[in-house]
Protein backbone atom coordinates (compact mmCIF):
# COMPACT_ATOMS: atom_id res chain seq x y z
CA MET A 1 -22.03 -21.48 9.36
CA LYS A 2 -22.72 -20.15 5.98
CA ASN A 3 -20.54 -17.58 4.54
CA ALA A 4 -21.31 -15.30 1.41
CA SER A 5 -19.37 -16.26 -1.06
CA ASN A 6 -20.81 -19.79 -0.70
CA ALA A 7 -17.69 -21.45 -1.01
CA SER A 8 -16.85 -24.96 0.87
CA LEU A 9 -12.71 -24.88 0.22
CA VAL A 10 -10.17 -22.56 0.81
CA ILE A 11 -6.31 -22.56 -0.47
CA VAL A 12 -4.03 -20.47 1.06
CA SER A 13 -0.22 -20.57 -0.12
CA PHE A 14 2.40 -18.59 1.01
CA LYS A 15 6.11 -18.68 -1.40
CA ILE A 16 9.06 -16.46 -0.68
CA ILE A 17 11.80 -16.27 -3.96
CA GLN A 18 14.56 -13.78 -3.70
CA LYS A 19 13.61 -11.00 -1.91
CA ASN A 20 9.80 -11.28 -2.56
CA ILE A 21 7.12 -13.27 -1.06
CA THR A 22 4.20 -14.23 -3.06
CA VAL A 23 0.53 -15.15 -1.44
CA THR A 24 -2.01 -16.88 -3.31
CA TYR A 25 -5.67 -17.68 -2.16
CA SER A 26 -7.80 -19.59 -4.45
CA ASP A 27 -11.62 -20.33 -3.20
CA ASN A 28 -14.31 -22.48 -4.99
CA ARG A 29 -16.96 -19.66 -4.44
CA VAL A 30 -20.49 -19.30 -6.64
CA GLY A 31 -22.62 -16.14 -7.62
CA THR A 32 -19.85 -13.51 -7.47
CA GLU A 33 -21.24 -11.61 -10.66
CA ASN A 34 -24.32 -10.78 -8.66
CA LYS A 35 -21.68 -9.61 -5.74
CA LYS A 36 -19.48 -7.11 -8.62
CA THR A 37 -19.94 -3.82 -7.10
CA PHE A 38 -18.72 -5.63 -3.38
CA LEU A 39 -15.95 -7.15 -4.87
CA LYS A 40 -14.53 -4.46 -7.25
CA ASN A 41 -14.73 -2.23 -4.09
CA THR A 42 -12.97 -4.66 -1.61
CA MET A 43 -10.37 -4.97 -4.24
CA GLN A 44 -9.51 -1.49 -4.79
CA ASN A 45 -8.47 -1.47 -1.40
CA VAL A 46 -6.26 -4.20 -1.64
CA GLU A 47 -4.91 -3.21 -4.68
CA ASN A 48 -4.89 0.54 -2.80
CA ARG A 49 -2.48 -1.26 -0.10
CA ILE A 50 -0.43 -3.43 -1.55
CA LYS A 51 0.88 -1.25 -4.04
CA THR A 52 1.20 1.14 -0.64
CA ILE A 53 4.46 -1.63 -0.29
CA ASN A 54 5.43 -1.65 -3.65
CA GLY A 55 3.87 -4.81 -4.28
CA THR A 56 1.76 -6.13 -7.40
CA ILE A 57 -1.72 -7.83 -7.46
CA ASN A 58 -3.47 -10.39 -9.61
CA PHE A 59 -6.99 -11.68 -9.32
CA ASP A 60 -9.84 -13.58 -11.62
CA HIS A 61 -13.19 -13.13 -10.22
CA ASN A 62 -13.91 -14.24 -13.43
CA SER A 63 -13.03 -17.93 -13.28
CA GLU A 64 -15.16 -21.01 -13.45
CA LYS A 65 -13.72 -22.40 -10.89
CA GLY A 66 -14.15 -19.72 -8.28
CA PHE A 67 -12.00 -16.98 -7.58
CA LYS A 68 -8.43 -16.51 -7.65
CA ILE A 69 -6.12 -13.94 -6.31
CA ASN A 70 -2.17 -13.76 -6.40
CA PHE A 71 -0.02 -10.78 -4.70
CA THR A 72 3.26 -10.28 -4.09
CA PHE A 73 5.70 -7.97 -2.64
CA PRO A 74 9.17 -6.84 -1.13
CA LEU A 75 9.83 -8.31 2.08
């Protein structure tokens, strides 16, 4: 099955520190620059949802190694 991002590797990790959980997602996608509008809209939706639960979000779609997103929210 071919995916839209052309990623062949995905890593998801979860860490609980004090009363917060941090979720990290990364992949080795290529061609993200062609999908900036879609990515922007998708990430805006995710960011709005994370902020609704008093969380924070950081993402990097310009990484030469793929895409990475971290979000933290209280438990």
